[in-house]
Amino acid sequence: MSLLLAALLGYLSGSVPYGLLLSRMAGLGDIRTIGSGNIGATNVLRTGNKKVAAATLLLDALKGVVPVLLFGVIWGREAGLVAGVAAMLGHVFPIWLGFRGGKGVATGAGVLLAASWWLGLTCALIWLVMAKVTRISSASALTACGAAPLIAWLAGDSQLAVFALALALLIALRHHANIRRLLAGTEPRIGRKT
C-alpha cells in the first residue's frame, strides 16, 4: 500500500506544470505555442526570459527531489525510488494537460540527485561539459542520462542502476524527435529563440 501511495503522490507532485504556470504569470503567454511546445525550462528559455527559465528549472527539479526524499524517509528507499519514477511520469504525462508534458530532464535530475547525491552531481557535471562543448541541451541530457545507469552499475548499486535506467529510457523516449534532429544536424542550440 505504501508503494502505491508513494507512486500516486509522486505522480501528482510531478504533474504540476511549472513552466506553463510561470510563463503565464510573467505575461509570456502559453509556452506550448513556441519552440518545441514543451513545458520545460529549455523551451521557457526560448522566450528570452532567463529568470523564468531558471525558476522553471528549479521548480521542475524540486518536484522530483521532494517525493524521493519525503517518501524515502517515511517508507524507505524503495518507496522513494518509486515516487521518483512516478514524479517523472507526472511531468512527462500530466493529467492536467491531457497527458502532454515536458521531457523530464530537470525533474529527472532532481529525482536522481535525491536518490543518490553523488550520481546526480556526476550526471550534472556530464551535462555541463556536454552543454559547453555542443551547446545542445538534448545532446547533453541524453549523454548524462545514458551514463547514469552505467555509473551506478560500476559503483556496485544494482537497484540504483535499474532505477537510473528507467529514468534514462523515459527521457530517451521523450527525446525521439530531438534524436532525429541531432542525427540530421538540425537540433537548435541552447538559448536560441524559435
N, C-alpha and C. Protein backbone atom coordinates (compact mmCIF):
# COMPACT_ATOMS: atom_id res chain seq x y z
N MET A 1 0.82 -1.21 0.00
CA MET A 1 0.00 0.00 0.00
C MET A 1 0.86 1.27 0.00
N SER A 2 1.98 1.22 0.74
CA SER A 2 2.85 2.40 0.82
C SER A 2 3.46 2.72 -0.54
N LEU A 3 3.82 1.68 -1.32
CA LEU A 3 4.40 1.93 -2.64
C LEU A 3 3.37 2.55 -3.58
N LEU A 4 2.13 2.09 -3.49
CA LEU A 4 1.07 2.64 -4.32
C LEU A 4 0.81 4.11 -3.96
N LEU A 5 0.78 4.40 -2.68
CA LEU A 5 0.56 5.77 -2.23
C LEU A 5 1.75 6.67 -2.62
N ALA A 6 2.95 6.14 -2.50
CA ALA A 6 4.14 6.91 -2.91
C ALA A 6 4.09 7.21 -4.40
N ALA A 7 3.64 6.22 -5.19
CA ALA A 7 3.54 6.41 -6.64
C ALA A 7 2.49 7.47 -6.98
N LEU A 8 1.34 7.41 -6.32
CA LEU A 8 0.26 8.36 -6.60
C LEU A 8 0.68 9.79 -6.22
N LEU A 9 1.23 9.96 -5.04
CA LEU A 9 1.63 11.29 -4.59
C LEU A 9 2.84 11.81 -5.38
N GLY A 10 3.74 10.91 -5.75
CA GLY A 10 4.86 11.30 -6.59
C GLY A 10 4.38 11.79 -7.94
N TYR A 11 3.41 11.07 -8.52
CA TYR A 11 2.85 11.48 -9.81
C TYR A 11 2.21 12.87 -9.71
N LEU A 12 1.43 13.09 -8.67
CA LEU A 12 0.76 14.39 -8.51
C LEU A 12 1.78 15.51 -8.34
N SER A 13 2.86 15.24 -7.62
CA SER A 13 3.92 16.25 -7.47
C SER A 13 4.53 16.57 -8.82
N GLY A 14 4.83 15.54 -9.58
CA GLY A 14 5.45 15.73 -10.89
C GLY A 14 4.56 16.37 -11.92
N SER A 15 3.27 16.27 -11.75
CA SER A 15 2.33 16.73 -12.77
C SER A 15 2.05 18.24 -12.75
N VAL A 16 2.58 18.96 -11.77
CA VAL A 16 2.37 20.41 -11.71
C VAL A 16 3.19 21.06 -12.83
N PRO A 17 2.55 21.73 -13.79
CA PRO A 17 3.26 22.30 -14.96
C PRO A 17 3.84 23.68 -14.67
N TYR A 18 4.95 23.72 -13.92
CA TYR A 18 5.52 24.99 -13.51
C TYR A 18 5.91 25.89 -14.68
N GLY A 19 6.47 25.33 -15.74
CA GLY A 19 6.86 26.14 -16.89
C GLY A 19 5.68 26.89 -17.48
N LEU A 20 4.56 26.21 -17.62
CA LEU A 20 3.35 26.83 -18.15
C LEU A 20 2.81 27.89 -17.18
N LEU A 21 2.75 27.55 -15.90
CA LEU A 21 2.22 28.48 -14.90
C LEU A 21 3.07 29.74 -14.77
N LEU A 22 4.40 29.55 -14.68
CA LEU A 22 5.29 30.71 -14.51
C LEU A 22 5.30 31.58 -15.76
N SER A 23 5.28 30.97 -16.93
CA SER A 23 5.27 31.75 -18.18
C SER A 23 4.01 32.60 -18.28
N ARG A 24 2.89 32.03 -17.92
CA ARG A 24 1.64 32.80 -17.94
C ARG A 24 1.68 33.93 -16.91
N MET A 25 2.18 33.64 -15.72
CA MET A 25 2.25 34.66 -14.67
C MET A 25 3.18 35.81 -15.07
N ALA A 26 4.21 35.49 -15.86
CA ALA A 26 5.17 36.51 -16.31
C ALA A 26 4.71 37.24 -17.56
N GLY A 27 3.52 36.90 -18.05
CA GLY A 27 2.99 37.56 -19.24
C GLY A 27 3.60 37.07 -20.54
N LEU A 28 4.18 35.87 -20.52
CA LEU A 28 4.82 35.32 -21.72
C LEU A 28 3.86 34.48 -22.56
N GLY A 29 2.65 34.31 -22.08
CA GLY A 29 1.66 33.53 -22.82
C GLY A 29 1.79 32.04 -22.57
N ASP A 30 1.24 31.27 -23.48
CA ASP A 30 1.23 29.82 -23.37
C ASP A 30 2.52 29.28 -23.98
N ILE A 31 3.39 28.74 -23.15
CA ILE A 31 4.70 28.25 -23.58
C ILE A 31 4.56 27.13 -24.61
N ARG A 32 3.41 26.49 -24.65
CA ARG A 32 3.21 25.38 -25.59
C ARG A 32 3.06 25.84 -27.03
N THR A 33 2.98 27.16 -27.24
CA THR A 33 2.80 27.68 -28.61
C THR A 33 4.11 28.14 -29.26
N ILE A 34 5.24 27.98 -28.53
CA ILE A 34 6.53 28.40 -29.12
C ILE A 34 7.51 27.23 -29.09
N GLY A 35 8.57 27.36 -29.85
CA GLY A 35 9.66 26.39 -29.82
C GLY A 35 9.19 24.96 -29.98
N SER A 36 9.60 24.12 -29.03
CA SER A 36 9.26 22.70 -29.07
C SER A 36 7.83 22.44 -28.63
N GLY A 37 7.21 23.44 -27.99
CA GLY A 37 5.86 23.25 -27.47
C GLY A 37 5.84 22.57 -26.12
N ASN A 38 7.00 22.28 -25.56
CA ASN A 38 7.07 21.62 -24.26
C ASN A 38 6.98 22.64 -23.14
N ILE A 39 6.78 22.12 -21.92
CA ILE A 39 6.55 22.99 -20.76
C ILE A 39 7.79 23.15 -19.89
N GLY A 40 8.94 22.66 -20.35
CA GLY A 40 10.15 22.68 -19.53
C GLY A 40 10.98 23.93 -19.68
N ALA A 41 12.06 23.98 -18.91
CA ALA A 41 12.92 25.16 -18.82
C ALA A 41 13.60 25.50 -20.14
N THR A 42 13.99 24.50 -20.92
CA THR A 42 14.66 24.78 -22.19
C THR A 42 13.74 25.56 -23.12
N ASN A 43 12.49 25.17 -23.15
CA ASN A 43 11.54 25.88 -24.01
C ASN A 43 11.19 27.25 -23.43
N VAL A 44 11.11 27.36 -22.12
CA VAL A 44 10.87 28.67 -21.50
C VAL A 44 12.02 29.62 -21.84
N LEU A 45 13.24 29.11 -21.88
CA LEU A 45 14.40 29.92 -22.23
C LEU A 45 14.27 30.52 -23.63
N ARG A 46 13.55 29.85 -24.50
CA ARG A 46 13.36 30.36 -25.86
C ARG A 46 12.53 31.64 -25.90
N THR A 47 11.86 31.98 -24.80
CA THR A 47 11.13 33.25 -24.73
C THR A 47 12.10 34.41 -24.52
N GLY A 48 13.32 34.09 -24.11
CA GLY A 48 14.31 35.12 -23.81
C GLY A 48 14.31 35.53 -22.35
N ASN A 49 13.41 34.98 -21.55
CA ASN A 49 13.32 35.34 -20.14
C ASN A 49 14.10 34.32 -19.31
N LYS A 50 15.34 34.67 -18.98
CA LYS A 50 16.22 33.74 -18.26
C LYS A 50 15.77 33.50 -16.83
N LYS A 51 15.16 34.51 -16.20
CA LYS A 51 14.72 34.34 -14.81
C LYS A 51 13.58 33.34 -14.72
N VAL A 52 12.62 33.42 -15.63
CA VAL A 52 11.50 32.48 -15.62
C VAL A 52 12.01 31.08 -15.98
N ALA A 53 12.96 31.00 -16.90
CA ALA A 53 13.54 29.70 -17.26
C ALA A 53 14.26 29.09 -16.06
N ALA A 54 15.02 29.90 -15.33
CA ALA A 54 15.75 29.40 -14.16
C ALA A 54 14.78 28.95 -13.07
N ALA A 55 13.71 29.72 -12.85
CA ALA A 55 12.70 29.33 -11.85
C ALA A 55 12.01 28.04 -12.26
N THR A 56 11.74 27.89 -13.54
CA THR A 56 11.13 26.65 -14.04
C THR A 56 12.06 25.47 -13.80
N LEU A 57 13.33 25.65 -14.10
CA LEU A 57 14.32 24.59 -13.90
C LEU A 57 14.36 24.17 -12.43
N LEU A 58 14.41 25.14 -11.54
CA LEU A 58 14.47 24.85 -10.11
C LEU A 58 13.22 24.12 -9.62
N LEU A 59 12.04 24.63 -9.97
CA LEU A 59 10.81 24.02 -9.50
C LEU A 59 10.58 22.64 -10.12
N ASP A 60 10.95 22.48 -11.39
CA ASP A 60 10.82 21.16 -12.01
C ASP A 60 11.75 20.15 -11.35
N ALA A 61 12.94 20.59 -10.95
CA ALA A 61 13.86 19.70 -10.23
C ALA A 61 13.31 19.36 -8.84
N LEU A 62 12.79 20.38 -8.15
CA LEU A 62 12.27 20.16 -6.80
C LEU A 62 11.07 19.22 -6.77
N LYS A 63 10.26 19.24 -7.82
CA LYS A 63 9.11 18.32 -7.81
C LYS A 63 9.55 16.87 -7.98
N GLY A 64 10.83 16.66 -8.32
CA GLY A 64 11.41 15.33 -8.30
C GLY A 64 12.12 15.04 -6.99
N VAL A 65 12.78 16.05 -6.45
CA VAL A 65 13.53 15.89 -5.19
C VAL A 65 12.60 15.56 -4.03
N VAL A 66 11.54 16.34 -3.87
CA VAL A 66 10.70 16.23 -2.68
C VAL A 66 10.08 14.84 -2.51
N PRO A 67 9.44 14.26 -3.53
CA PRO A 67 8.86 12.93 -3.32
C PRO A 67 9.90 11.86 -2.97
N VAL A 68 11.05 11.90 -3.62
CA VAL A 68 12.08 10.89 -3.33
C VAL A 68 12.53 10.98 -1.88
N LEU A 69 12.83 12.19 -1.44
CA LEU A 69 13.31 12.36 -0.06
C LEU A 69 12.21 12.10 0.96
N LEU A 70 11.03 12.66 0.72
CA LEU A 70 9.93 12.53 1.67
C LEU A 70 9.51 11.08 1.87
N PHE A 71 9.23 10.40 0.77
CA PHE A 71 8.74 9.02 0.90
C PHE A 71 9.86 8.04 1.19
N GLY A 72 11.09 8.43 0.85
CA GLY A 72 12.24 7.62 1.26
C GLY A 72 12.40 7.61 2.76
N VAL A 73 12.17 8.76 3.38
CA VAL A 73 12.26 8.86 4.85
C VAL A 73 11.09 8.12 5.50
N ILE A 74 9.89 8.30 4.95
CA ILE A 74 8.69 7.73 5.57
C ILE A 74 8.63 6.22 5.39
N TRP A 75 8.83 5.75 4.14
CA TRP A 75 8.61 4.33 3.83
C TRP A 75 9.84 3.59 3.32
N GLY A 76 10.97 4.22 3.25
CA GLY A 76 12.19 3.53 2.83
C GLY A 76 12.61 3.86 1.40
N ARG A 77 13.82 3.41 1.08
CA ARG A 77 14.44 3.75 -0.21
C ARG A 77 13.57 3.33 -1.40
N GLU A 78 13.02 2.13 -1.35
CA GLU A 78 12.24 1.64 -2.49
C GLU A 78 11.04 2.55 -2.77
N ALA A 79 10.35 2.99 -1.71
CA ALA A 79 9.21 3.90 -1.88
C ALA A 79 9.68 5.23 -2.45
N GLY A 80 10.83 5.70 -2.01
CA GLY A 80 11.37 6.94 -2.55
C GLY A 80 11.68 6.83 -4.03
N LEU A 81 12.25 5.71 -4.46
CA LEU A 81 12.56 5.50 -5.87
C LEU A 81 11.29 5.39 -6.70
N VAL A 82 10.30 4.68 -6.17
CA VAL A 82 9.01 4.57 -6.87
C VAL A 82 8.38 5.95 -7.02
N ALA A 83 8.41 6.74 -5.96
CA ALA A 83 7.86 8.10 -6.02
C ALA A 83 8.60 8.95 -7.04
N GLY A 84 9.91 8.73 -7.15
CA GLY A 84 10.71 9.49 -8.12
C GLY A 84 10.35 9.17 -9.55
N VAL A 85 10.21 7.89 -9.86
CA VAL A 85 9.80 7.49 -11.22
C VAL A 85 8.40 8.02 -11.50
N ALA A 86 7.53 7.96 -10.51
CA ALA A 86 6.16 8.47 -10.68
C ALA A 86 6.16 9.99 -10.90
N ALA A 87 7.04 10.71 -10.23
CA ALA A 87 7.15 12.16 -10.44
C ALA A 87 7.58 12.45 -11.87
N MET A 88 8.51 11.65 -12.38
CA MET A 88 8.92 11.80 -13.78
C MET A 88 7.74 11.57 -14.71
N LEU A 89 6.99 10.50 -14.45
CA LEU A 89 5.82 10.21 -15.28
C LEU A 89 4.80 11.34 -15.19
N GLY A 90 4.64 11.94 -14.01
CA GLY A 90 3.73 13.06 -13.85
C GLY A 90 4.15 14.26 -14.67
N HIS A 91 5.44 14.53 -14.71
CA HIS A 91 5.93 15.66 -15.50
C HIS A 91 5.76 15.40 -17.00
N VAL A 92 6.07 14.21 -17.42
CA VAL A 92 6.01 13.85 -18.83
C VAL A 92 4.56 13.68 -19.31
N PHE A 93 3.73 13.11 -18.45
CA PHE A 93 2.33 12.84 -18.80
C PHE A 93 1.38 13.42 -17.74
N PRO A 94 1.32 14.77 -17.62
CA PRO A 94 0.48 15.37 -16.57
C PRO A 94 -1.01 15.27 -16.90
N ILE A 95 -1.76 14.83 -15.94
CA ILE A 95 -3.21 14.66 -16.13
C ILE A 95 -3.88 16.00 -16.46
N TRP A 96 -3.34 17.09 -15.92
CA TRP A 96 -3.95 18.42 -16.08
C TRP A 96 -3.82 18.97 -17.50
N LEU A 97 -2.89 18.42 -18.27
CA LEU A 97 -2.62 18.93 -19.62
C LEU A 97 -2.89 17.85 -20.68
N GLY A 98 -3.82 16.96 -20.39
CA GLY A 98 -4.15 15.91 -21.35
C GLY A 98 -2.99 14.97 -21.58
N PHE A 99 -2.15 14.76 -20.57
CA PHE A 99 -1.01 13.84 -20.61
C PHE A 99 0.06 14.26 -21.61
N ARG A 100 0.15 15.58 -21.89
CA ARG A 100 1.18 16.11 -22.79
C ARG A 100 2.03 17.10 -22.00
N GLY A 101 3.16 16.64 -21.51
CA GLY A 101 4.00 17.48 -20.66
C GLY A 101 5.38 17.72 -21.21
N GLY A 102 6.34 17.79 -20.32
CA GLY A 102 7.72 18.07 -20.70
C GLY A 102 8.50 16.82 -21.00
N LYS A 103 9.80 16.98 -21.11
CA LYS A 103 10.66 15.85 -21.47
C LYS A 103 11.33 15.21 -20.28
N GLY A 104 11.19 15.80 -19.10
CA GLY A 104 11.61 15.14 -17.88
C GLY A 104 13.05 15.32 -17.44
N VAL A 105 13.81 16.17 -18.11
CA VAL A 105 15.23 16.27 -17.78
C VAL A 105 15.44 16.91 -16.41
N ALA A 106 14.85 18.07 -16.17
CA ALA A 106 15.04 18.74 -14.87
C ALA A 106 14.45 17.91 -13.73
N THR A 107 13.25 17.37 -13.95
CA THR A 107 12.64 16.54 -12.91
C THR A 107 13.47 15.29 -12.70
N GLY A 108 13.95 14.68 -13.78
CA GLY A 108 14.81 13.51 -13.66
C GLY A 108 16.10 13.82 -12.92
N ALA A 109 16.66 15.00 -13.17
CA ALA A 109 17.88 15.41 -12.46
C ALA A 109 17.60 15.53 -10.97
N GLY A 110 16.45 16.13 -10.62
CA GLY A 110 16.09 16.25 -9.22
C GLY A 110 15.88 14.90 -8.56
N VAL A 111 15.20 14.01 -9.27
CA VAL A 111 14.96 12.65 -8.77
C VAL A 111 16.29 11.94 -8.55
N LEU A 112 17.17 12.02 -9.52
CA LEU A 112 18.46 11.33 -9.44
C LEU A 112 19.32 11.90 -8.32
N LEU A 113 19.32 13.21 -8.19
CA LEU A 113 20.10 13.87 -7.13
C LEU A 113 19.59 13.46 -5.75
N ALA A 114 18.26 13.38 -5.60
CA ALA A 114 17.70 13.00 -4.31
C ALA A 114 17.93 11.52 -4.00
N ALA A 115 17.91 10.68 -5.04
CA ALA A 115 18.11 9.25 -4.84
C ALA A 115 19.56 8.93 -4.53
N SER A 116 20.48 9.67 -5.16
CA SER A 116 21.92 9.44 -4.96
C SER A 116 22.65 10.74 -5.29
N TRP A 117 23.02 11.49 -4.26
CA TRP A 117 23.61 12.81 -4.50
C TRP A 117 24.86 12.72 -5.37
N TRP A 118 25.69 11.69 -5.14
CA TRP A 118 26.93 11.61 -5.90
C TRP A 118 26.66 11.29 -7.38
N LEU A 119 25.67 10.43 -7.65
CA LEU A 119 25.35 10.12 -9.03
C LEU A 119 24.69 11.32 -9.71
N GLY A 120 23.82 12.01 -8.98
CA GLY A 120 23.18 13.21 -9.52
C GLY A 120 24.19 14.29 -9.88
N LEU A 121 25.17 14.51 -8.99
CA LEU A 121 26.20 15.52 -9.26
C LEU A 121 27.12 15.11 -10.41
N THR A 122 27.43 13.82 -10.50
CA THR A 122 28.25 13.33 -11.61
C THR A 122 27.55 13.56 -12.94
N CYS A 123 26.25 13.25 -12.99
CA CYS A 123 25.49 13.44 -14.23
C CYS A 123 25.31 14.92 -14.55
N ALA A 124 25.16 15.75 -13.52
CA ALA A 124 25.08 17.20 -13.75
C ALA A 124 26.39 17.72 -14.36
N LEU A 125 27.51 17.20 -13.87
CA LEU A 125 28.81 17.58 -14.43
C LEU A 125 28.93 17.13 -15.89
N ILE A 126 28.47 15.93 -16.19
CA ILE A 126 28.48 15.44 -17.57
C ILE A 126 27.62 16.36 -18.44
N TRP A 127 26.45 16.72 -17.94
CA TRP A 127 25.56 17.62 -18.70
C TRP A 127 26.27 18.95 -18.98
N LEU A 128 26.89 19.53 -17.95
CA LEU A 128 27.56 20.82 -18.11
C LEU A 128 28.70 20.76 -19.13
N VAL A 129 29.49 19.71 -19.07
CA VAL A 129 30.59 19.57 -20.03
C VAL A 129 30.04 19.44 -21.44
N MET A 130 29.02 18.59 -21.63
CA MET A 130 28.43 18.40 -22.95
C MET A 130 27.77 19.68 -23.45
N ALA A 131 27.11 20.42 -22.55
CA ALA A 131 26.47 21.67 -22.95
C ALA A 131 27.52 22.69 -23.39
N LYS A 132 28.64 22.72 -22.70
CA LYS A 132 29.73 23.63 -23.07
C LYS A 132 30.30 23.27 -24.44
N VAL A 133 30.44 21.98 -24.69
CA VAL A 133 31.04 21.50 -25.93
C VAL A 133 30.07 21.62 -27.11
N THR A 134 28.83 21.16 -26.91
CA THR A 134 27.89 21.07 -28.04
C THR A 134 26.93 22.25 -28.14
N ARG A 135 26.64 22.91 -27.02
CA ARG A 135 25.61 23.97 -26.95
C ARG A 135 24.25 23.42 -27.36
N ILE A 136 24.04 22.12 -27.13
CA ILE A 136 22.76 21.49 -27.47
C ILE A 136 22.23 20.80 -26.22
N SER A 137 21.11 21.28 -25.71
CA SER A 137 20.55 20.77 -24.47
C SER A 137 20.20 19.29 -24.56
N SER A 138 19.56 18.88 -25.64
CA SER A 138 19.13 17.48 -25.75
C SER A 138 20.32 16.53 -25.79
N ALA A 139 21.37 16.87 -26.52
CA ALA A 139 22.56 16.01 -26.57
C ALA A 139 23.19 15.89 -25.19
N SER A 140 23.20 16.99 -24.46
CA SER A 140 23.76 16.99 -23.11
C SER A 140 22.93 16.11 -22.19
N ALA A 141 21.62 16.25 -22.26
CA ALA A 141 20.72 15.46 -21.41
C ALA A 141 20.80 13.98 -21.72
N LEU A 142 20.78 13.65 -22.99
CA LEU A 142 20.83 12.24 -23.39
C LEU A 142 22.15 11.58 -22.97
N THR A 143 23.24 12.31 -23.09
CA THR A 143 24.54 11.77 -22.68
C THR A 143 24.58 11.54 -21.17
N ALA A 144 24.15 12.54 -20.41
CA ALA A 144 24.17 12.43 -18.94
C ALA A 144 23.25 11.32 -18.45
N CYS A 145 22.04 11.26 -19.00
CA CYS A 145 21.09 10.23 -18.58
C CYS A 145 21.55 8.84 -19.00
N GLY A 146 22.14 8.75 -20.17
CA GLY A 146 22.64 7.46 -20.63
C GLY A 146 23.80 6.96 -19.79
N ALA A 147 24.59 7.87 -19.26
CA ALA A 147 25.73 7.49 -18.44
C ALA A 147 25.31 7.04 -17.04
N ALA A 148 24.20 7.53 -16.54
CA ALA A 148 23.79 7.28 -15.15
C ALA A 148 23.68 5.80 -14.78
N PRO A 149 22.96 4.97 -15.57
CA PRO A 149 22.87 3.56 -15.17
C PRO A 149 24.23 2.84 -15.18
N LEU A 150 25.06 3.18 -16.14
CA LEU A 150 26.38 2.56 -16.22
C LEU A 150 27.23 2.94 -15.01
N ILE A 151 27.19 4.22 -14.64
CA ILE A 151 27.98 4.67 -13.48
C ILE A 151 27.49 4.00 -12.21
N ALA A 152 26.15 3.91 -12.04
CA ALA A 152 25.60 3.26 -10.84
C ALA A 152 25.98 1.78 -10.81
N TRP A 153 25.93 1.13 -11.96
CA TRP A 153 26.28 -0.30 -12.03
C TRP A 153 27.76 -0.50 -11.69
N LEU A 154 28.62 0.36 -12.25
CA LEU A 154 30.05 0.26 -11.97
C LEU A 154 30.35 0.51 -10.49
N ALA A 155 29.48 1.31 -9.84
CA ALA A 155 29.65 1.59 -8.41
C ALA A 155 29.11 0.45 -7.54
N GLY A 156 28.49 -0.55 -8.17
CA GLY A 156 28.01 -1.72 -7.43
C GLY A 156 26.62 -1.59 -6.85
N ASP A 157 25.85 -0.60 -7.29
CA ASP A 157 24.48 -0.42 -6.76
C ASP A 157 23.48 -0.80 -7.86
N SER A 158 23.12 -2.07 -7.89
CA SER A 158 22.25 -2.57 -8.97
C SER A 158 20.85 -1.98 -8.89
N GLN A 159 20.32 -1.73 -7.69
CA GLN A 159 18.99 -1.13 -7.56
C GLN A 159 18.98 0.28 -8.14
N LEU A 160 20.01 1.04 -7.83
CA LEU A 160 20.14 2.39 -8.37
C LEU A 160 20.35 2.36 -9.88
N ALA A 161 21.10 1.36 -10.37
CA ALA A 161 21.32 1.23 -11.81
C ALA A 161 20.02 0.97 -12.55
N VAL A 162 19.17 0.10 -12.02
CA VAL A 162 17.88 -0.18 -12.65
C VAL A 162 16.99 1.06 -12.62
N PHE A 163 17.00 1.75 -11.51
CA PHE A 163 16.24 2.99 -11.36
C PHE A 163 16.72 4.04 -12.38
N ALA A 164 18.03 4.23 -12.48
CA ALA A 164 18.60 5.19 -13.42
C ALA A 164 18.31 4.79 -14.86
N LEU A 165 18.29 3.49 -15.14
CA LEU A 165 17.96 3.01 -16.48
C LEU A 165 16.52 3.35 -16.83
N ALA A 166 15.61 3.19 -15.88
CA ALA A 166 14.20 3.54 -16.12
C ALA A 166 14.07 5.03 -16.46
N LEU A 167 14.77 5.88 -15.71
CA LEU A 167 14.75 7.32 -15.99
C LEU A 167 15.33 7.61 -17.36
N ALA A 168 16.46 6.98 -17.68
CA ALA A 168 17.13 7.23 -18.96
C ALA A 168 16.26 6.81 -20.14
N LEU A 169 15.59 5.66 -20.01
CA LEU A 169 14.73 5.18 -21.09
C LEU A 169 13.54 6.12 -21.30
N LEU A 170 12.97 6.61 -20.21
CA LEU A 170 11.84 7.53 -20.33
C LEU A 170 12.28 8.83 -20.99
N ILE A 171 13.43 9.34 -20.61
CA ILE A 171 13.93 10.58 -21.21
C ILE A 171 14.27 10.36 -22.68
N ALA A 172 14.88 9.23 -23.01
CA ALA A 172 15.20 8.94 -24.41
C ALA A 172 13.92 8.83 -25.24
N LEU A 173 12.90 8.19 -24.68
CA LEU A 173 11.61 8.07 -25.37
C LEU A 173 11.02 9.44 -25.67
N ARG A 174 11.09 10.34 -24.70
CA ARG A 174 10.53 11.68 -24.87
C ARG A 174 11.38 12.55 -25.79
N HIS A 175 12.61 12.13 -26.06
CA HIS A 175 13.50 12.89 -26.94
C HIS A 175 13.61 12.29 -28.34
N HIS A 176 12.65 11.48 -28.74
CA HIS A 176 12.74 10.82 -30.06
C HIS A 176 12.88 11.83 -31.20
N ALA A 177 12.12 12.93 -31.13
CA ALA A 177 12.21 13.94 -32.20
C ALA A 177 13.56 14.64 -32.14
N ASN A 178 14.07 14.89 -30.93
CA ASN A 178 15.39 15.52 -30.79
C ASN A 178 16.48 14.62 -31.36
N ILE A 179 16.36 13.32 -31.13
CA ILE A 179 17.35 12.38 -31.63
C ILE A 179 17.37 12.41 -33.16
N ARG A 180 16.19 12.48 -33.78
CA ARG A 180 16.13 12.58 -35.23
C ARG A 180 16.80 13.87 -35.72
N ARG A 181 16.54 14.99 -35.01
CA ARG A 181 17.15 16.26 -35.41
C ARG A 181 18.66 16.26 -35.17
N LEU A 182 19.11 15.62 -34.09
CA LEU A 182 20.54 15.51 -33.84
C LEU A 182 21.22 14.75 -34.97
N LEU A 183 20.62 13.67 -35.40
CA LEU A 183 21.18 12.88 -36.50
C LEU A 183 21.19 13.66 -37.81
N ALA A 184 20.18 14.54 -37.96
CA ALA A 184 20.10 15.35 -39.19
C ALA A 184 20.91 16.64 -39.10
N GLY A 185 21.43 16.96 -37.90
CA GLY A 185 22.20 18.18 -37.71
C GLY A 185 21.36 19.44 -37.64
N THR A 186 20.09 19.30 -37.28
CA THR A 186 19.18 20.46 -37.25
C THR A 186 18.67 20.79 -35.85
N GLU A 187 19.22 20.17 -34.82
CA GLU A 187 18.77 20.42 -33.45
C GLU A 187 19.18 21.83 -33.02
N PRO A 188 18.24 22.64 -32.45
CA PRO A 188 18.59 24.01 -32.06
C PRO A 188 19.59 24.07 -30.90
N ARG A 189 20.32 25.14 -30.87
CA ARG A 189 21.33 25.38 -29.81
C ARG A 189 20.67 25.98 -28.58
N ILE A 190 21.32 25.84 -27.44
CA ILE A 190 20.83 26.39 -26.18
C ILE A 190 20.68 27.91 -26.29
N GLY A 191 19.51 28.42 -25.86
CA GLY A 191 19.27 29.86 -25.84
C GLY A 191 18.75 30.44 -27.13
N ARG A 192 18.67 29.64 -28.18
CA ARG A 192 18.18 30.16 -29.46
C ARG A 192 16.67 30.30 -29.41
N LYS A 193 16.17 31.47 -29.78
CA LYS A 193 14.73 31.69 -29.86
C LYS A 193 14.20 31.09 -31.15
N THR A 194 12.97 30.54 -31.06
CA THR A 194 12.35 29.99 -32.28
C THR A 194 10.98 30.56 -32.47
